[in-house]
PDB file of N, CA and C in Angstrom:
ATOM      1  N   MET A   1      -6.978   2.869  -7.745  1.00  0.00           N
ATOM      2  CA  MET A   1      -6.395   1.960  -6.762  1.00  0.00           C
ATOM      3  C   MET A   1      -7.185   0.660  -6.793  1.00  0.00           C
ATOM      4  N   ASP A   2      -6.474  -0.414  -6.814  1.00  0.00           N
ATOM      5  CA  ASP A   2      -7.074  -1.739  -6.804  1.00  0.00           C
ATOM      6  C   ASP A   2      -7.790  -1.975  -5.463  1.00  0.00           C
ATOM      7  N   PRO A   3      -8.975  -2.562  -5.479  1.00  0.00           N
ATOM      8  CA  PRO A   3      -9.704  -2.818  -4.226  1.00  0.00           C
ATOM      9  C   PRO A   3      -8.923  -3.685  -3.248  1.00  0.00           C
ATOM     10  N   ARG A   4      -8.058  -4.561  -3.768  1.00  0.00           N
ATOM     11  CA  ARG A   4      -7.232  -5.389  -2.871  1.00  0.00           C
ATOM     12  C   ARG A   4      -6.272  -4.529  -2.055  1.00  0.00           C
ATOM     13  N   MET A   5      -5.824  -3.405  -2.613  1.00  0.00           N
ATOM     14  CA  MET A   5      -4.917  -2.525  -1.881  1.00  0.00           C
ATOM     15  C   MET A   5      -5.644  -1.888  -0.705  1.00  0.00           C
ATOM     16  N   ALA A   6      -6.855  -1.412  -0.933  1.00  0.00           N
ATOM     17  CA  ALA A   6      -7.643  -0.823   0.156  1.00  0.00           C
ATOM     18  C   ALA A   6      -7.916  -1.874   1.236  1.00  0.00           C
ATOM     19  N   GLU A   7      -8.247  -3.075   0.821  1.00  0.00           N
ATOM     20  CA  GLU A   7      -8.512  -4.160   1.776  1.00  0.00           C
ATOM     21  C   GLU A   7      -7.261  -4.504   2.579  1.00  0.00           C
ATOM     22  N   LEU A   8      -6.117  -4.515   1.909  1.00  0.00           N
ATOM     23  CA  LEU A   8      -4.847  -4.808   2.560  1.00  0.00           C
ATOM     24  C   LEU A   8      -4.493  -3.729   3.585  1.00  0.00           C
ATOM     25  N   LEU A   9      -4.728  -2.468   3.248  1.00  0.00           N
ATOM     26  CA  LEU A   9      -4.333  -1.352   4.109  1.00  0.00           C
ATOM     27  C   LEU A   9      -5.263  -1.130   5.305  1.00  0.00           C
ATOM     28  N   THR A  10      -6.537  -1.379   5.127  1.00  0.00           N
ATOM     29  CA  THR A  10      -7.548  -1.020   6.131  1.00  0.00           C
ATOM     30  C   THR A  10      -7.220  -1.481   7.546  1.00  0.00           C
ATOM     31  N   PRO A  11      -6.764  -2.712   7.777  1.00  0.00           N
ATOM     32  CA  PRO A  11      -6.472  -3.122   9.157  1.00  0.00           C
ATOM     33  C   PRO A  11      -5.377  -2.302   9.851  1.00  0.00           C
ATOM     34  N   TYR A  12      -4.551  -1.626   9.079  1.00  0.00           N
ATOM     35  CA  TYR A  12      -3.445  -0.842   9.631  1.00  0.00           C
ATOM     36  C   TYR A  12      -3.814   0.621   9.875  1.00  0.00           C
ATOM     37  N   LEU A  13      -5.031   1.000   9.538  1.00  0.00           N
ATOM     38  CA  LEU A  13      -5.431   2.407   9.593  1.00  0.00           C
ATOM     39  C   LEU A  13      -6.402   2.642  10.736  1.00  0.00           C
ATOM     40  N   LYS A  14      -5.845   2.830  11.945  1.00  0.00           N
ATOM     41  CA  LYS A  14      -6.677   2.945  13.148  1.00  0.00           C
ATOM     42  C   LYS A  14      -7.530   4.206  13.184  1.00  0.00           C
ATOM     43  N   PHE A  15      -7.204   5.199  12.366  1.00  0.00           N
ATOM     44  CA  PHE A  15      -7.994   6.431  12.354  1.00  0.00           C
ATOM     45  C   PHE A  15      -8.936   6.507  11.155  1.00  0.00           C
ATOM     46  N   LEU A  16      -9.177   5.386  10.520  1.00  0.00           N
ATOM     47  CA  LEU A  16     -10.114   5.345   9.404  1.00  0.00           C
ATOM     48  C   LEU A  16     -11.554   5.448   9.910  1.00  0.00           C
ATOM     49  N   ASN A  17     -11.768   4.991  11.145  1.00  0.00           N
ATOM     50  CA  ASN A  17     -13.058   5.119  11.828  1.00  0.00           C
ATOM     51  C   ASN A  17     -14.239   4.596  11.015  1.00  0.00           C
ATOM     52  N   GLY A  18     -14.067   3.407  10.446  1.00  0.00           N
ATOM     53  CA  GLY A  18     -15.161   2.778   9.731  1.00  0.00           C
ATOM     54  C   GLY A  18     -15.436   3.324   8.346  1.00  0.00           C
ATOM     55  N   ARG A  19     -14.711   4.361   7.944  1.00  0.00           N
ATOM     56  CA  ARG A  19     -14.885   4.929   6.603  1.00  0.00           C
ATOM     57  C   ARG A  19     -14.176   4.053   5.577  1.00  0.00           C
ATOM     58  N   GLU A  20     -14.563   4.205   4.348  1.00  0.00           N
ATOM     59  CA  GLU A  20     -13.871   3.542   3.251  1.00  0.00           C
ATOM     60  C   GLU A  20     -12.630   4.366   2.912  1.00  0.00           C
ATOM     61  N   LEU A  21     -11.530   3.694   2.646  1.00  0.00           N
ATOM     62  CA  LEU A  21     -10.293   4.387   2.297  1.00  0.00           C
ATOM     63  C   LEU A  21     -10.396   4.954   0.892  1.00  0.00           C
ATOM     64  N   GLY A  22     -10.195   6.253   0.780  1.00  0.00           N
ATOM     65  CA  GLY A  22     -10.156   6.908  -0.528  1.00  0.00           C
ATOM     66  C   GLY A  22      -8.744   6.843  -1.082  1.00  0.00           C
ATOM     67  N   PRO A  23      -8.586   6.855  -2.392  1.00  0.00           N
ATOM     68  CA  PRO A  23      -7.257   6.725  -2.982  1.00  0.00           C
ATOM     69  C   PRO A  23      -6.304   7.854  -2.592  1.00  0.00           C
ATOM     70  N   ASP A  24      -6.837   9.030  -2.291  1.00  0.00           N
ATOM     71  CA  ASP A  24      -5.981  10.164  -1.951  1.00  0.00           C
ATOM     72  C   ASP A  24      -5.923  10.460  -0.457  1.00  0.00           C
ATOM     73  N   ASP A  25      -6.504   9.591   0.368  1.00  0.00           N
ATOM     74  CA  ASP A  25      -6.405   9.757   1.825  1.00  0.00           C
ATOM     75  C   ASP A  25      -4.962   9.562   2.272  1.00  0.00           C
ATOM     76  N   SER A  26      -4.489  10.417   3.149  1.00  0.00           N
ATOM     77  CA  SER A  26      -3.148  10.283   3.705  1.00  0.00           C
ATOM     78  C   SER A  26      -3.094   9.042   4.602  1.00  0.00           C
ATOM     79  N   LEU A  27      -2.179   8.135   4.285  1.00  0.00           N
ATOM     80  CA  LEU A  27      -2.049   6.933   5.109  1.00  0.00           C
ATOM     81  C   LEU A  27      -1.531   7.270   6.498  1.00  0.00           C
ATOM     82  N   ARG A  28      -0.657   8.234   6.611  1.00  0.00           N
ATOM     83  CA  ARG A  28      -0.141   8.665   7.922  1.00  0.00           C
ATOM     84  C   ARG A  28      -1.269   9.244   8.777  1.00  0.00           C
ATOM     85  N   GLU A  29      -2.086  10.107   8.188  1.00  0.00           N
ATOM     86  CA  GLU A  29      -3.188  10.710   8.935  1.00  0.00           C
ATOM     87  C   GLU A  29      -4.228   9.672   9.343  1.00  0.00           C
ATOM     88  N   ARG A  30      -4.306   8.588   8.599  1.00  0.00           N
ATOM     89  CA  ARG A  30      -5.260   7.517   8.925  1.00  0.00           C
ATOM     90  C   ARG A  30      -4.663   6.504   9.893  1.00  0.00           C
ATOM     91  N   GLY A  31      -3.381   6.678  10.262  1.00  0.00           N
ATOM     92  CA  GLY A  31      -2.798   5.866  11.328  1.00  0.00           C
ATOM     93  C   GLY A  31      -1.665   4.938  10.952  1.00  0.00           C
ATOM     94  N   LEU A  32      -1.227   4.928   9.706  1.00  0.00           N
ATOM     95  CA  LEU A  32      -0.122   4.049   9.307  1.00  0.00           C
ATOM     96  C   LEU A  32       1.195   4.631   9.810  1.00  0.00           C
ATOM     97  N   ASP A  33       1.901   3.854  10.632  1.00  0.00           N
ATOM     98  CA  ASP A  33       3.210   4.315  11.101  1.00  0.00           C
ATOM     99  C   ASP A  33       4.311   3.500  10.418  1.00  0.00           C
ATOM    100  N   SER A  34       5.557   3.825  10.720  1.00  0.00           N
ATOM    101  CA  SER A  34       6.675   3.198  10.011  1.00  0.00           C
ATOM    102  C   SER A  34       6.768   1.699  10.284  1.00  0.00           C
ATOM    103  N   MET A  35       6.456   1.267  11.485  1.00  0.00           N
ATOM    104  CA  MET A  35       6.502  -0.162  11.793  1.00  0.00           C
ATOM    105  C   MET A  35       5.405  -0.908  11.027  1.00  0.00           C
ATOM    106  N   GLN A  36       4.245  -0.319  10.938  1.00  0.00           N
ATOM    107  CA  GLN A  36       3.156  -0.943  10.195  1.00  0.00           C
ATOM    108  C   GLN A  36       3.460  -0.971   8.704  1.00  0.00           C
ATOM    109  N   SER A  37       4.199   0.002   8.234  1.00  0.00           N
ATOM    110  CA  SER A  37       4.576   0.027   6.819  1.00  0.00           C
ATOM    111  C   SER A  37       5.373  -1.218   6.451  1.00  0.00           C
ATOM    112  N   ILE A  38       6.198  -1.685   7.374  1.00  0.00           N
ATOM    113  CA  ILE A  38       6.959  -2.923   7.140  1.00  0.00           C
ATOM    114  C   ILE A  38       6.000  -4.096   6.994  1.00  0.00           C
ATOM    115  N   ASN A  39       4.995  -4.153   7.866  1.00  0.00           N
ATOM    116  CA  ASN A  39       3.997  -5.215   7.759  1.00  0.00           C
ATOM    117  C   ASN A  39       3.230  -5.120   6.445  1.00  0.00           C
ATOM    118  N   VAL A  40       2.943  -3.910   6.010  1.00  0.00           N
ATOM    119  CA  VAL A  40       2.259  -3.719   4.736  1.00  0.00           C
ATOM    120  C   VAL A  40       3.131  -4.268   3.593  1.00  0.00           C
ATOM    121  N   LEU A  41       4.433  -4.057   3.657  1.00  0.00           N
ATOM    122  CA  LEU A  41       5.324  -4.607   2.636  1.00  0.00           C
ATOM    123  C   LEU A  41       5.222  -6.132   2.582  1.00  0.00           C
ATOM    124  N   PHE A  42       5.188  -6.784   3.752  1.00  0.00           N
ATOM    125  CA  PHE A  42       5.037  -8.242   3.796  1.00  0.00           C
ATOM    126  C   PHE A  42       3.689  -8.665   3.209  1.00  0.00           C
ATOM    127  N   GLU A  43       2.644  -7.900   3.509  1.00  0.00           N
ATOM    128  CA  GLU A  43       1.309  -8.195   2.970  1.00  0.00           C
ATOM    129  C   GLU A  43       1.306  -8.057   1.445  1.00  0.00           C
ATOM    130  N   ILE A  44       1.983  -7.042   0.938  1.00  0.00           N
ATOM    131  CA  ILE A  44       2.070  -6.853  -0.505  1.00  0.00           C
ATOM    132  C   ILE A  44       2.731  -8.073  -1.147  1.00  0.00           C
ATOM    133  N   GLU A  45       3.797  -8.564  -0.523  1.00  0.00           N
ATOM    134  CA  GLU A  45       4.465  -9.754  -1.032  1.00  0.00           C
ATOM    135  C   GLU A  45       3.505 -10.941  -1.070  1.00  0.00           C
ATOM    136  N   ASP A  46       2.736 -11.125   0.000  1.00  0.00           N
ATOM    137  CA  ASP A  46       1.807 -12.250   0.075  1.00  0.00           C
ATOM    138  C   ASP A  46       0.652 -12.116  -0.908  1.00  0.00           C
ATOM    139  N   VAL A  47       0.051 -10.944  -0.960  1.00  0.00           N
ATOM    140  CA  VAL A  47      -1.155 -10.744  -1.775  1.00  0.00           C
ATOM    141  C   VAL A  47      -0.833 -10.658  -3.263  1.00  0.00           C
ATOM    142  N   PHE A  48       0.223  -9.929  -3.603  1.00  0.00           N
ATOM    143  CA  PHE A  48       0.511  -9.665  -5.008  1.00  0.00           C
ATOM    144  C   PHE A  48       1.677 -10.483  -5.561  1.00  0.00           C
ATOM    145  N   GLY A  49       2.431 -11.146  -4.696  1.00  0.00           N
ATOM    146  CA  GLY A  49       3.532 -11.982  -5.159  1.00  0.00           C
ATOM    147  C   GLY A  49       4.729 -11.219  -5.675  1.00  0.00           C
ATOM    148  N   ILE A  50       4.940 -10.009  -5.159  1.00  0.00           N
ATOM    149  CA  ILE A  50       6.072  -9.180  -5.589  1.00  0.00           C
ATOM    150  C   ILE A  50       6.753  -8.562  -4.378  1.00  0.00           C
ATOM    151  N   SER A  51       7.955  -8.090  -4.593  1.00  0.00           N
ATOM    152  CA  SER A  51       8.662  -7.282  -3.602  1.00  0.00           C
ATOM    153  C   SER A  51       8.940  -5.929  -4.235  1.00  0.00           C
ATOM    154  N   LEU A  52       8.667  -4.875  -3.499  1.00  0.00           N
ATOM    155  CA  LEU A  52       8.980  -3.543  -4.009  1.00  0.00           C
ATOM    156  C   LEU A  52      10.485  -3.321  -3.924  1.00  0.00           C
ATOM    157  N   PRO A  53      11.073  -2.719  -4.947  1.00  0.00           N
ATOM    158  CA  PRO A  53      12.499  -2.404  -4.881  1.00  0.00           C
ATOM    159  C   PRO A  53      12.774  -1.332  -3.828  1.00  0.00           C
ATOM    160  N   ASP A  54      13.995  -1.341  -3.320  1.00  0.00           N
ATOM    161  CA  ASP A  54      14.373  -0.398  -2.257  1.00  0.00           C
ATOM    162  C   ASP A  54      14.061   1.050  -2.618  1.00  0.00           C
ATOM    163  N   GLU A  55      14.249   1.413  -3.883  1.00  0.00           N
ATOM    164  CA  GLU A  55      14.020   2.808  -4.266  1.00  0.00           C
ATOM    165  C   GLU A  55      12.544   3.203  -4.193  1.00  0.00           C
ATOM    166  N   ASP A  56      11.652   2.226  -4.105  1.00  0.00           N
ATOM    167  CA  ASP A  56      10.223   2.528  -3.963  1.00  0.00           C
ATOM    168  C   ASP A  56       9.757   2.552  -2.510  1.00  0.00           C
ATOM    169  N   ILE A  57      10.633   2.228  -1.601  1.00  0.00           N
ATOM    170  CA  ILE A  57      10.247   2.222  -0.188  1.00  0.00           C
ATOM    171  C   ILE A  57      10.602   3.583   0.407  1.00  0.00           C
ATOM    172  N   THR A  58       9.702   4.542   0.131  1.00  0.00           N
ATOM    173  CA  THR A  58       9.908   5.928   0.537  1.00  0.00           C
ATOM    174  C   THR A  58       8.628   6.482   1.155  1.00  0.00           C
ATOM    175  N   ASP A  59       8.768   7.602   1.834  1.00  0.00           N
ATOM    176  CA  ASP A  59       7.584   8.279   2.371  1.00  0.00           C
ATOM    177  C   ASP A  59       6.622   8.666   1.254  1.00  0.00           C
ATOM    178  N   ALA A  60       7.154   9.062   0.111  1.00  0.00           N
ATOM    179  CA  ALA A  60       6.294   9.463  -1.005  1.00  0.00           C
ATOM    180  C   ALA A  60       5.458   8.277  -1.502  1.00  0.00           C
ATOM    181  N   THR A  61       6.060   7.102  -1.571  1.00  0.00           N
ATOM    182  CA  THR A  61       5.325   5.914  -2.008  1.00  0.00           C
ATOM    183  C   THR A  61       4.206   5.585  -1.037  1.00  0.00           C
ATOM    184  N   PHE A  62       4.457   5.748   0.253  1.00  0.00           N
ATOM    185  CA  PHE A  62       3.482   5.410   1.285  1.00  0.00           C
ATOM    186  C   PHE A  62       2.607   6.596   1.689  1.00  0.00           C
ATOM    187  N   ALA A  63       2.571   7.629   0.872  1.00  0.00           N
ATOM    188  CA  ALA A  63       1.776   8.819   1.205  1.00  0.00           C
ATOM    189  C   ALA A  63       0.278   8.538   1.168  1.00  0.00           C
ATOM    190  N   THR A  64      -0.185   7.870   0.122  1.00  0.00           N
ATOM    191  CA  THR A  64      -1.615   7.578  -0.035  1.00  0.00           C
ATOM    192  C   THR A  64      -1.766   6.165  -0.584  1.00  0.00           C
ATOM    193  N   GLY A  65      -2.979   5.676  -0.558  1.00  0.00           N
ATOM    194  CA  GLY A  65      -3.238   4.378  -1.167  1.00  0.00           C
ATOM    195  C   GLY A  65      -2.925   4.395  -2.654  1.00  0.00           C
ATOM    196  N   ALA A  66      -3.227   5.504  -3.305  1.00  0.00           N
ATOM    197  CA  ALA A  66      -2.979   5.626  -4.744  1.00  0.00           C
ATOM    198  C   ALA A  66      -1.487   5.610  -5.068  1.00  0.00           C
ATOM    199  N   THR A  67      -0.672   6.296  -4.284  1.00  0.00           N
ATOM    200  CA  THR A  67       0.769   6.304  -4.568  1.00  0.00           C
ATOM    201  C   THR A  67       1.380   4.931  -4.301  1.00  0.00           C
ATOM    202  N   LEU A  68       0.887   4.258  -3.276  1.00  0.00           N
ATOM    203  CA  LEU A  68       1.385   2.911  -3.001  1.00  0.00           C
ATOM    204  C   LEU A  68       0.945   1.955  -4.108  1.00  0.00           C
ATOM    205  N   TRP A  69      -0.307   2.066  -4.537  1.00  0.00           N
ATOM    206  CA  TRP A  69      -0.784   1.213  -5.625  1.00  0.00           C
ATOM    207  C   TRP A  69       0.004   1.464  -6.905  1.00  0.00           C
ATOM    208  N   THR A  70       0.364   2.706  -7.186  1.00  0.00           N
ATOM    209  CA  THR A  70       1.152   3.023  -8.381  1.00  0.00           C
ATOM    210  C   THR A  70       2.469   2.254  -8.364  1.00  0.00           C
ATOM    211  N   ALA A  71       3.131   2.228  -7.212  1.00  0.00           N
ATOM    212  CA  ALA A  71       4.402   1.505  -7.085  1.00  0.00           C
ATOM    213  C   ALA A  71       4.189  -0.002  -7.223  1.00  0.00           C
ATOM    214  N   VAL A  72       3.149  -0.516  -6.593  1.00  0.00           N
ATOM    215  CA  VAL A  72       2.854  -1.951  -6.678  1.00  0.00           C
ATOM    216  C   VAL A  72       2.530  -2.334  -8.119  1.00  0.00           C
ATOM    217  N   HIS A  73       1.676  -1.557  -8.764  1.00  0.00           N
ATOM    218  CA  HIS A  73       1.280  -1.852 -10.143  1.00  0.00           C
ATOM    219  C   HIS A  73       2.486  -1.814 -11.082  1.00  0.00           C
ATOM    220  N   ALA A  74       3.362  -0.838 -10.898  1.00  0.00           N
ATOM    221  CA  ALA A  74       4.562  -0.745 -11.731  1.00  0.00           C
ATOM    222  C   ALA A  74       5.445  -1.977 -11.545  1.00  0.00           C
ATOM    223  N   GLN A  75       5.574  -2.445 -10.300  1.00  0.00           N
ATOM    224  CA  GLN A  75       6.398  -3.626 -10.054  1.00  0.00           C
ATOM    225  C   GLN A  75       5.739  -4.884 -10.620  1.00  0.00           C
ATOM    226  N   LEU A  76       4.408  -4.961 -10.544  1.00  0.00           N
ATOM    227  CA  LEU A  76       3.702  -6.080 -11.158  1.00  0.00           C
ATOM    228  C   LEU A  76       4.008  -6.136 -12.653  1.00  0.00           C
ATOM    229  N   GLU A  77       3.987  -4.983 -13.298  1.00  0.00           N
ATOM    230  CA  GLU A  77       4.276  -4.933 -14.732  1.00  0.00           C
ATOM    231  C   GLU A  77       5.734  -5.301 -15.025  1.00  0.00           C
ATOM    232  N   ARG A  78       6.662  -4.801 -14.198  1.00  0.00           N
ATOM    233  CA  ARG A  78       8.092  -5.116 -14.394  1.00  0.00           C
ATOM    234  C   ARG A  78       8.336  -6.617 -14.287  1.00  0.00           C
ATOM    235  N   GLU A  79       7.630  -7.249 -13.334  1.00  0.00           N
ATOM    236  CA  GLU A  79       7.847  -8.672 -13.106  1.00  0.00           C
ATOM    237  C   GLU A  79       6.947  -9.537 -13.971  1.00  0.00           C
ATOM    238  N   GLY A  80       6.069  -8.905 -14.749  1.00  0.00           N
ATOM    239  CA  GLY A  80       5.189  -9.664 -15.614  1.00  0.00           C
ATOM    240  C   GLY A  80       4.142 -10.467 -14.869  1.00  0.00           C
ATOM    241  N   VAL A  81       3.782  -9.988 -13.670  1.00  0.00           N
ATOM    242  CA  VAL A  81       2.770 -10.659 -12.856  1.00  0.00           C
ATOM    243  C   VAL A  81       1.411 -10.099 -13.234  1.00  0.00           C
ATOM    244  N   THR A  82       0.454 -10.958 -13.443  1.00  0.00           N
ATOM    245  CA  THR A  82      -0.907 -10.517 -13.743  1.00  0.00           C
ATOM    246  C   THR A  82      -1.573 -10.118 -12.447  1.00  0.00           C
ATOM    247  N   SER A  83      -2.106  -8.877 -12.382  1.00  0.00           N
ATOM    248  CA  SER A  83      -2.720  -8.399 -11.145  1.00  0.00           C
ATOM    249  C   SER A  83      -4.158  -8.787 -11.030  1.00  0.00           C
TER     250      SER A  83
END
């Protein structure tokens, strides 16, 4: 997982309790809810310059930082954006 992804997610994870986000930590268990997920999508657009396709906006994609990064990285490659 890219360090920018952890930095982007951390403010939305109220149950992280000062810990560093691990790539396999459950985002839901760390406090990410569906409304915050929308804000995370906007942050992804701002930070990485991409929009995730609708088919990637799923619970599975938002399960962990690693699964979300996988979707972001794949879209970066599809759009030819240098990460």
